[in-house]
Amino acid sequence: MEELLRAYEKSRKRIKERLLEFSQVWKEADERIFEEMCFCFCTPQSNARTCFASVDYLARSGMLFRGDPEAISQHLRGGVRFHNNKSRYIVDARDLFTDREGRLRIKENLSHSDPLAVREWLVRNIRGFGYKEAGHFLRNIGMGGNIAILDRHILRNLVKYGAIKEMPSSLTKGRYLEIEGLFRRFSRKVGIPMAELDLLFWSQETGEIFK
């Protein structure tokens, strides 16, 4: 545990700065919120930096907001796994949040005081979003301070520090929420806020504090 606390002290300033950056995203335009949603569609089983670069290009070119699934998939093909499925998720979500005048309306659909309720809505209504992806998206727009993003990096560290006994073979809804509760308890035990602990674990696995 001392190793973890030392690592936190070393990285705490940058972690807090990164979380502050996330919190500012909600104040930006709906198109910027949509970019984060698309990034979170792309990251499962793919490199986060590659996904970020792909989504950034699609946004700057306008294809993210106007392209059809085939055009988007063609660009994702370079480094995003399951690019055909993920391109369809992007277009489905875009259609869901676009009003009759053709404007994206994401924030007004997600404006709720309870992030856990927002996560449930996302999981129920957004094709391609499970609990991990929905939590990742909410964290990246400043709404996920008490929500777990249970990817392999986080799970390995929860095992390493004894928060859970072993890596789960699968994550049903019940198992996900159970491990999330254990993560919360571990966060309180070590005195590191959950969102900060998430980024700390991620940086220990990848060598950087990213998103």
Protein backbone atom coordinates (compact mmCIF):
# COMPACT_ATOMS: atom_id res chain seq x y z
CA MET A 1 0.00 0.00 0.00
CA GLU A 2 2.91 2.35 0.68
CA GLU A 3 3.98 1.90 -2.94
CA LEU A 4 0.54 3.04 -4.09
CA LEU A 5 0.54 6.09 -1.81
CA ARG A 6 4.01 7.09 -2.99
CA ALA A 7 2.90 6.81 -6.61
CA TYR A 8 -0.15 8.93 -5.83
CA GLU A 9 1.91 11.68 -4.19
CA LYS A 10 4.16 11.74 -7.23
CA SER A 11 1.26 12.00 -9.71
CA ARG A 12 -1.42 13.75 -7.67
CA LYS A 13 -0.96 17.24 -9.14
CA ARG A 14 -1.19 16.03 -12.75
CA ILE A 15 -4.12 13.74 -11.97
CA LYS A 16 -6.09 16.59 -10.40
CA GLU A 17 -5.28 18.82 -13.35
CA ARG A 18 -6.50 16.15 -15.76
CA LEU A 19 -9.77 15.72 -13.89
CA LEU A 20 -10.25 19.48 -13.90
CA GLU A 21 -9.80 19.40 -17.68
CA PHE A 22 -12.50 16.73 -17.90
CA SER A 23 -14.85 18.85 -15.82
CA GLN A 24 -14.55 21.70 -18.31
CA VAL A 25 -15.71 19.56 -21.24
CA TRP A 26 -19.34 19.72 -20.08
CA LYS A 27 -19.26 23.49 -20.61
CA GLU A 28 -18.35 23.08 -24.28
CA ALA A 29 -20.60 22.59 -27.30
CA ASP A 30 -22.60 19.41 -27.86
CA GLU A 31 -20.29 18.53 -30.74
CA ARG A 32 -17.39 18.35 -28.29
CA ILE A 33 -19.43 16.12 -25.97
CA PHE A 34 -20.20 13.88 -28.96
CA GLU A 35 -16.48 13.57 -29.73
CA GLU A 36 -15.93 12.14 -26.26
CA MET A 37 -18.82 9.73 -26.75
CA CYS A 38 -17.30 8.53 -30.02
CA PHE A 39 -13.87 8.14 -28.41
CA CYS A 40 -15.47 5.87 -25.80
CA PHE A 41 -17.16 3.81 -28.51
CA CYS A 42 -13.78 3.22 -30.09
CA THR A 43 -11.52 2.37 -27.14
CA PRO A 44 -12.63 -1.20 -26.23
CA GLN A 45 -9.78 -3.53 -27.24
CA SER A 46 -8.03 -0.69 -29.07
CA ASN A 47 -5.20 1.70 -28.26
CA ALA A 48 -6.52 4.89 -26.66
CA ARG A 49 -4.05 7.18 -28.44
CA THR A 50 -4.97 5.67 -31.81
CA CYS A 51 -8.67 6.09 -31.05
CA PHE A 52 -8.16 9.69 -30.00
CA ALA A 53 -6.29 10.50 -33.21
CA SER A 54 -8.95 8.82 -35.35
CA VAL A 55 -11.87 10.60 -33.68
CA ASP A 56 -10.01 13.92 -33.74
CA TYR A 57 -9.48 13.59 -37.49
CA LEU A 58 -13.11 12.61 -38.08
CA ALA A 59 -14.27 15.63 -36.06
CA ARG A 60 -11.97 18.11 -37.76
CA SER A 61 -12.92 16.82 -41.20
CA GLY A 62 -16.63 16.97 -40.33
CA MET A 63 -17.09 13.30 -41.12
CA LEU A 64 -17.99 12.53 -37.51
CA PHE A 65 -21.05 14.75 -37.84
CA ARG A 66 -22.04 14.02 -41.44
CA GLY A 67 -20.39 10.80 -42.59
CA ASP A 68 -22.20 7.52 -43.10
CA PRO A 69 -21.09 4.31 -41.35
CA GLU A 70 -19.04 3.13 -44.34
CA ALA A 71 -17.04 6.35 -44.59
CA ILE A 72 -16.38 6.46 -40.85
CA SER A 73 -15.44 2.78 -40.78
CA GLN A 74 -12.96 3.30 -43.60
CA HIS A 75 -11.03 5.78 -41.50
CA LEU A 76 -11.25 3.75 -38.27
CA ARG A 77 -9.91 0.72 -40.12
CA GLY A 78 -6.32 1.85 -39.59
CA GLY A 79 -6.12 1.01 -35.89
CA VAL A 80 -9.52 0.66 -34.25
CA ARG A 81 -10.71 -2.90 -33.78
CA PHE A 82 -14.27 -3.82 -34.78
CA HIS A 83 -14.37 -0.63 -36.83
CA ASN A 84 -17.54 -1.62 -38.72
CA ASN A 85 -19.56 -2.09 -35.54
CA LYS A 86 -18.12 1.02 -33.93
CA SER A 87 -18.88 3.20 -36.93
CA ARG A 88 -22.51 2.08 -36.75
CA TYR A 89 -22.61 2.88 -33.03
CA ILE A 90 -21.36 6.40 -33.81
CA VAL A 91 -24.01 7.03 -36.46
CA ASP A 92 -26.81 5.50 -34.35
CA ALA A 93 -25.89 7.75 -31.41
CA ARG A 94 -25.64 10.78 -33.69
CA ASP A 95 -29.11 10.08 -35.04
CA LEU A 96 -30.51 9.59 -31.53
CA PHE A 97 -29.25 12.97 -30.31
CA THR A 98 -29.96 15.00 -33.46
CA ASP A 99 -33.13 17.10 -33.39
CA ARG A 100 -35.44 17.88 -36.29
CA GLU A 101 -33.38 20.95 -37.20
CA GLY A 102 -30.25 18.81 -37.48
CA ARG A 103 -28.63 20.01 -34.25
CA LEU A 104 -26.96 17.74 -31.73
CA ARG A 105 -28.77 17.85 -28.37
CA ILE A 106 -26.73 15.68 -26.02
CA LYS A 107 -26.40 17.81 -22.90
CA GLU A 108 -30.10 18.44 -22.48
CA ASN A 109 -30.71 14.69 -22.62
CA LEU A 110 -28.06 13.98 -19.99
CA SER A 111 -28.76 16.83 -17.58
CA HIS A 112 -29.48 14.90 -14.41
CA SER A 113 -28.23 15.36 -10.88
CA ASP A 114 -27.45 11.66 -10.44
CA PRO A 115 -24.59 10.34 -12.64
CA LEU A 116 -25.55 6.75 -11.80
CA ALA A 117 -29.01 7.37 -13.25
CA VAL A 118 -27.43 8.92 -16.35
CA ARG A 119 -25.22 5.85 -16.71
CA GLU A 120 -28.25 3.57 -16.56
CA TRP A 121 -29.95 5.65 -19.25
CA LEU A 122 -26.88 5.45 -21.47
CA VAL A 123 -26.58 1.69 -21.08
CA ARG A 124 -30.26 1.21 -21.90
CA ASN A 125 -30.39 3.60 -24.84
CA ILE A 126 -26.97 3.73 -26.51
CA ARG A 127 -25.98 0.77 -28.65
CA GLY A 128 -22.33 -0.02 -27.99
CA PHE A 129 -22.32 1.28 -24.41
CA GLY A 130 -22.01 -1.08 -21.49
CA TYR A 131 -21.24 0.03 -17.95
CA LYS A 132 -17.55 0.47 -18.68
CA GLU A 133 -18.03 2.60 -21.81
CA ALA A 134 -20.80 4.68 -20.23
CA GLY A 135 -18.67 5.29 -17.13
CA HIS A 136 -15.66 6.20 -19.28
CA PHE A 137 -17.74 8.75 -21.19
CA LEU A 138 -19.19 10.30 -18.04
CA ARG A 139 -15.75 10.58 -16.45
CA ASN A 140 -14.39 12.27 -19.58
CA ILE A 141 -17.12 14.93 -19.48
CA GLY A 142 -16.74 15.56 -15.75
CA MET A 143 -19.69 13.51 -14.46
CA GLY A 144 -18.01 10.31 -13.31
CA GLY A 145 -16.30 11.04 -10.01
CA ASN A 146 -17.93 8.12 -8.21
CA ILE A 147 -18.22 5.71 -11.13
CA ALA A 148 -15.87 2.83 -11.94
CA ILE A 149 -14.38 2.20 -15.38
CA LEU A 150 -13.58 -1.48 -15.02
CA ASP A 151 -11.16 -2.18 -17.83
CA ARG A 152 -8.33 -4.68 -17.59
CA HIS A 153 -5.88 -2.05 -16.28
CA ILE A 154 -8.12 -1.21 -13.34
CA LEU A 155 -9.06 -4.81 -12.59
CA ARG A 156 -5.42 -5.92 -12.53
CA ASN A 157 -4.60 -3.24 -9.99
CA LEU A 158 -7.64 -4.06 -7.86
CA VAL A 159 -6.32 -7.63 -7.70
CA LYS A 160 -2.76 -6.42 -7.05
CA TYR A 161 -3.80 -4.34 -4.04
CA GLY A 162 -6.25 -6.90 -2.67
CA ALA A 163 -9.48 -5.05 -3.38
CA ILE A 164 -10.75 -8.09 -5.29
CA LYS A 165 -9.50 -11.66 -5.13
CA GLU A 166 -9.09 -12.41 -8.83
CA MET A 167 -9.71 -11.13 -12.33
CA PRO A 168 -13.35 -11.82 -13.23
CA SER A 169 -13.86 -14.14 -16.19
CA SER A 170 -16.84 -12.01 -17.28
CA LEU A 171 -18.64 -8.90 -16.11
CA THR A 172 -22.39 -9.20 -15.86
CA LYS A 173 -24.26 -6.16 -14.58
CA GLY A 174 -24.40 -7.63 -11.09
CA ARG A 175 -20.71 -8.50 -11.03
CA TYR A 176 -19.75 -5.08 -12.41
CA LEU A 177 -21.72 -3.26 -9.72
CA GLU A 178 -20.32 -5.56 -7.04
CA ILE A 179 -16.72 -4.83 -8.05
CA GLU A 180 -17.54 -1.14 -8.35
CA GLY A 181 -18.68 -1.24 -4.72
CA LEU A 182 -15.43 -2.93 -3.69
CA PHE A 183 -13.49 -0.31 -5.63
CA ARG A 184 -15.37 2.43 -3.75
CA ARG A 185 -14.59 0.81 -0.42
CA PHE A 186 -10.91 0.47 -1.34
CA SER A 187 -10.85 4.13 -2.39
CA ARG A 188 -12.15 5.18 1.03
CA LYS A 189 -9.67 2.88 2.78
CA VAL A 190 -6.60 4.35 1.08
CA GLY A 191 -7.94 7.92 1.14
CA ILE A 192 -7.67 8.51 -2.61
CA PRO A 193 -10.79 9.72 -4.45
CA MET A 194 -12.13 7.11 -6.83
CA ALA A 195 -11.64 9.11 -10.04
CA GLU A 196 -8.06 9.92 -9.03
CA LEU A 197 -7.37 6.30 -8.16
CA ASP A 198 -8.70 5.26 -11.57
CA LEU A 199 -6.26 7.56 -13.37
CA LEU A 200 -3.44 6.49 -11.07
CA PHE A 201 -4.04 2.82 -11.86
CA TRP A 202 -4.29 3.59 -15.56
CA SER A 203 -1.05 5.56 -15.54
CA GLN A 204 0.76 2.77 -13.69
CA GLU A 205 -0.27 0.35 -16.44
CA THR A 206 0.32 2.60 -19.45
CA GLY A 207 2.96 5.05 -18.26
CA GLU A 208 0.84 8.15 -18.86
CA ILE A 209 -2.17 10.06 -17.55
CA PHE A 210 -4.41 10.25 -20.57
CA LYS A 211 -8.16 9.64 -20.75
